[in-house]
Amino acid sequence: PYDKNLTREQLMERVEGYFAFLGPEFLEKGKAPNLVILTNYVMGYYNDPAFLEEDISELDKNDYDHLASWGKDAFLRRLEFENGPLRDQVEAHTQKLLAEREAVAKKAASSADPVKTG
């Protein structure tokens, strides 16, 4: 598994462990073991505590913090976006849009003026 950053030796040890678990009949005859036992073995071994990088305090955290924004309406999300870390970029973009609108309005106003010929 790439996310565990295992060395080649650790990876080969796991593969050999899987072959030992699956047994010789799996390699010779293709006989598969019980899927529940196999899944428990693989998932339990894959998440071996020796390979975990998290701290045990992670278990005390709220798993649903990322869902808090779903409960907010669009106006509050917009305010948070405009006043968040991208505030300067939002301000520059808004000023650019306002300048473009003003230029278009001036152009439309000047082309709408009647031309006086004398």
C-alpha atoms as a PDB file:
ATOM      1  CA  PRO A   1       0.000   0.000   0.000  1.00  0.00           C
ATOM      2  CA  TYR A   2       1.390   3.351  -1.049  1.00  0.00           C
ATOM      3  CA  ASP A   3      -0.054   5.373   1.817  1.00  0.00           C
ATOM      4  CA  LYS A   4       1.870   3.332   4.399  1.00  0.00           C
ATOM      5  CA  ASN A   5       5.290   4.072   2.826  1.00  0.00           C
ATOM      6  CA  LEU A   6       6.453   0.505   3.377  1.00  0.00           C
ATOM      7  CA  THR A   7       9.920  -0.643   2.424  1.00  0.00           C
ATOM      8  CA  ARG A   8      10.278  -3.435  -0.099  1.00  0.00           C
ATOM      9  CA  GLU A   9      11.142  -5.880   2.696  1.00  0.00           C
ATOM     10  CA  GLN A  10       8.012  -4.962   4.669  1.00  0.00           C
ATOM     11  CA  LEU A  11       5.887  -5.291   1.551  1.00  0.00           C
ATOM     12  CA  MET A  12       7.320  -8.716   0.698  1.00  0.00           C
ATOM     13  CA  GLU A  13       6.781  -9.811   4.308  1.00  0.00           C
ATOM     14  CA  ARG A  14       3.100  -8.878   3.983  1.00  0.00           C
ATOM     15  CA  VAL A  15       2.748 -10.667   0.638  1.00  0.00           C
ATOM     16  CA  GLU A  16       4.359 -13.798   2.078  1.00  0.00           C
ATOM     17  CA  GLY A  17       2.049 -13.507   5.080  1.00  0.00           C
ATOM     18  CA  TYR A  18      -0.960 -13.409   2.733  1.00  0.00           C
ATOM     19  CA  PHE A  19       0.281 -16.506   0.903  1.00  0.00           C
ATOM     20  CA  ALA A  20       0.794 -18.310   4.215  1.00  0.00           C
ATOM     21  CA  PHE A  21      -2.705 -17.300   5.304  1.00  0.00           C
ATOM     22  CA  LEU A  22      -4.294 -18.353   2.011  1.00  0.00           C
ATOM     23  CA  GLY A  23      -2.573 -21.740   2.184  1.00  0.00           C
ATOM     24  CA  PRO A  24      -1.117 -24.040  -0.453  1.00  0.00           C
ATOM     25  CA  GLU A  25      -4.530 -25.029  -1.838  1.00  0.00           C
ATOM     26  CA  PHE A  26      -5.088 -21.434  -2.932  1.00  0.00           C
ATOM     27  CA  LEU A  27      -1.952 -21.457  -5.075  1.00  0.00           C
ATOM     28  CA  GLU A  28      -2.306 -25.014  -6.386  1.00  0.00           C
ATOM     29  CA  LYS A  29      -6.064 -25.451  -6.811  1.00  0.00           C
ATOM     30  CA  GLY A  30      -7.383 -21.912  -6.541  1.00  0.00           C
ATOM     31  CA  LYS A  31      -9.405 -22.757  -3.429  1.00  0.00           C
ATOM     32  CA  ALA A  32     -10.341 -19.488  -1.723  1.00  0.00           C
ATOM     33  CA  PRO A  33     -10.651 -19.220   2.066  1.00  0.00           C
ATOM     34  CA  ASN A  34     -13.716 -17.902   3.845  1.00  0.00           C
ATOM     35  CA  LEU A  35     -14.204 -14.318   2.632  1.00  0.00           C
ATOM     36  CA  VAL A  36     -15.151 -12.971   6.058  1.00  0.00           C
ATOM     37  CA  ILE A  37     -11.992 -14.364   7.639  1.00  0.00           C
ATOM     38  CA  LEU A  38      -9.892 -13.158   4.705  1.00  0.00           C
ATOM     39  CA  THR A  39     -11.343  -9.637   4.873  1.00  0.00           C
ATOM     40  CA  ASN A  40     -10.817  -9.441   8.639  1.00  0.00           C
ATOM     41  CA  TYR A  41      -7.235 -10.613   8.240  1.00  0.00           C
ATOM     42  CA  VAL A  42      -6.373  -8.208   5.433  1.00  0.00           C
ATOM     43  CA  MET A  43      -8.068  -5.155   6.932  1.00  0.00           C
ATOM     44  CA  GLY A  44      -6.804  -5.850  10.421  1.00  0.00           C
ATOM     45  CA  TYR A  45      -3.257  -6.355   9.235  1.00  0.00           C
ATOM     46  CA  TYR A  46      -3.353  -3.420   6.846  1.00  0.00           C
ATOM     47  CA  ASN A  47      -4.263  -1.079   9.690  1.00  0.00           C
ATOM     48  CA  ASP A  48      -1.680  -2.548  12.033  1.00  0.00           C
ATOM     49  CA  PRO A  49      -1.122   0.019  14.815  1.00  0.00           C
ATOM     50  CA  ALA A  50       2.618  -0.111  14.130  1.00  0.00           C
ATOM     51  CA  PHE A  51       1.964   1.608  10.802  1.00  0.00           C
ATOM     52  CA  LEU A  52      -0.524   4.214  11.992  1.00  0.00           C
ATOM     53  CA  GLU A  53       0.685   7.807  12.162  1.00  0.00           C
ATOM     54  CA  GLU A  54      -2.286   9.297  13.988  1.00  0.00           C
ATOM     55  CA  ASP A  55      -2.328  10.057  17.688  1.00  0.00           C
ATOM     56  CA  ILE A  56      -4.877   8.373  19.944  1.00  0.00           C
ATOM     57  CA  SER A  57      -6.391  11.811  20.609  1.00  0.00           C
ATOM     58  CA  GLU A  58      -7.724  11.650  17.020  1.00  0.00           C
ATOM     59  CA  LEU A  59     -10.404   9.289  18.315  1.00  0.00           C
ATOM     60  CA  ASP A  60     -11.836  12.013  20.563  1.00  0.00           C
ATOM     61  CA  LYS A  61     -12.398  14.465  17.711  1.00  0.00           C
ATOM     62  CA  ASN A  62     -15.724  15.115  16.033  1.00  0.00           C
ATOM     63  CA  ASP A  63     -15.884  13.109  12.808  1.00  0.00           C
ATOM     64  CA  TYR A  64     -18.570  15.338  11.325  1.00  0.00           C
ATOM     65  CA  ASP A  65     -16.914  18.764  11.436  1.00  0.00           C
ATOM     66  CA  HIS A  66     -16.700  18.777   7.656  1.00  0.00           C
ATOM     67  CA  LEU A  67     -20.510  18.567   7.443  1.00  0.00           C
ATOM     68  CA  ALA A  68     -21.077  21.795   9.400  1.00  0.00           C
ATOM     69  CA  SER A  69     -21.019  23.897   6.239  1.00  0.00           C
ATOM     70  CA  TRP A  70     -23.928  21.899   4.802  1.00  0.00           C
ATOM     71  CA  GLY A  71     -26.229  23.335   7.463  1.00  0.00           C
ATOM     72  CA  LYS A  72     -25.469  26.936   6.533  1.00  0.00           C
ATOM     73  CA  ASP A  73     -27.405  28.791   3.920  1.00  0.00           C
ATOM     74  CA  ALA A  74     -25.817  30.211   0.795  1.00  0.00           C
ATOM     75  CA  PHE A  75     -25.629  33.739   2.215  1.00  0.00           C
ATOM     76  CA  LEU A  76     -23.549  32.686   5.233  1.00  0.00           C
ATOM     77  CA  ARG A  77     -21.267  30.542   3.059  1.00  0.00           C
ATOM     78  CA  ARG A  78     -20.804  33.499   0.722  1.00  0.00           C
ATOM     79  CA  LEU A  79     -19.912  35.784   3.659  1.00  0.00           C
ATOM     80  CA  GLU A  80     -17.401  33.270   4.985  1.00  0.00           C
ATOM     81  CA  PHE A  81     -15.855  32.948   1.539  1.00  0.00           C
ATOM     82  CA  GLU A  82     -15.622  36.700   1.019  1.00  0.00           C
ATOM     83  CA  ASN A  83     -14.136  37.296   4.473  1.00  0.00           C
ATOM     84  CA  GLY A  84     -11.957  34.203   4.624  1.00  0.00           C
ATOM     85  CA  PRO A  85      -8.365  33.604   3.549  1.00  0.00           C
ATOM     86  CA  LEU A  86      -9.173  34.504  -0.070  1.00  0.00           C
ATOM     87  CA  ARG A  87     -10.594  37.911   0.886  1.00  0.00           C
ATOM     88  CA  ASP A  88      -7.961  39.941  -1.019  1.00  0.00           C
ATOM     89  CA  GLN A  89      -8.428  37.877  -4.181  1.00  0.00           C
ATOM     90  CA  VAL A  90     -12.208  38.188  -3.935  1.00  0.00           C
ATOM     91  CA  GLU A  91     -11.909  41.965  -3.488  1.00  0.00           C
ATOM     92  CA  ALA A  92      -9.587  42.331  -6.508  1.00  0.00           C
ATOM     93  CA  HIS A  93     -11.885  40.184  -8.650  1.00  0.00           C
ATOM     94  CA  THR A  94     -14.949  42.162  -7.555  1.00  0.00           C
ATOM     95  CA  GLN A  95     -13.264  45.497  -8.340  1.00  0.00           C
ATOM     96  CA  LYS A  96     -12.265  44.182 -11.773  1.00  0.00           C
ATOM     97  CA  LEU A  97     -15.852  43.134 -12.521  1.00  0.00           C
ATOM     98  CA  LEU A  98     -17.197  46.516 -11.390  1.00  0.00           C
ATOM     99  CA  ALA A  99     -14.664  48.349 -13.590  1.00  0.00           C
ATOM    100  CA  GLU A 100     -15.642  46.207 -16.592  1.00  0.00           C
ATOM    101  CA  ARG A 101     -19.347  46.927 -16.009  1.00  0.00           C
ATOM    102  CA  GLU A 102     -18.656  50.648 -15.702  1.00  0.00           C
ATOM    103  CA  ALA A 103     -16.652  50.638 -18.949  1.00  0.00           C
ATOM    104  CA  VAL A 104     -19.461  48.839 -20.774  1.00  0.00           C
ATOM    105  CA  ALA A 105     -22.017  51.296 -19.373  1.00  0.00           C
ATOM    106  CA  LYS A 106     -19.926  54.300 -20.479  1.00  0.00           C
ATOM    107  CA  LYS A 107     -19.489  52.829 -23.946  1.00  0.00           C
ATOM    108  CA  ALA A 108     -23.229  52.194 -24.233  1.00  0.00           C
ATOM    109  CA  ALA A 109     -24.010  55.716 -23.000  1.00  0.00           C
ATOM    110  CA  SER A 110     -21.600  57.351 -25.436  1.00  0.00           C
ATOM    111  CA  SER A 111     -22.907  55.365 -28.392  1.00  0.00           C
ATOM    112  CA  ALA A 112     -26.507  56.233 -27.450  1.00  0.00           C
ATOM    113  CA  ASP A 113     -25.848  60.004 -27.477  1.00  0.00           C
ATOM    114  CA  PRO A 114     -27.227  61.582 -30.636  1.00  0.00           C
ATOM    115  CA  VAL A 115     -24.585  62.971 -32.905  1.00  0.00           C
ATOM    116  CA  LYS A 116     -25.143  66.680 -33.498  1.00  0.00           C
ATOM    117  CA  THR A 117     -24.236  67.807 -36.964  1.00  0.00           C
ATOM    118  CA  GLY A 118     -24.671  71.376 -37.645  1.00  0.00           C
END
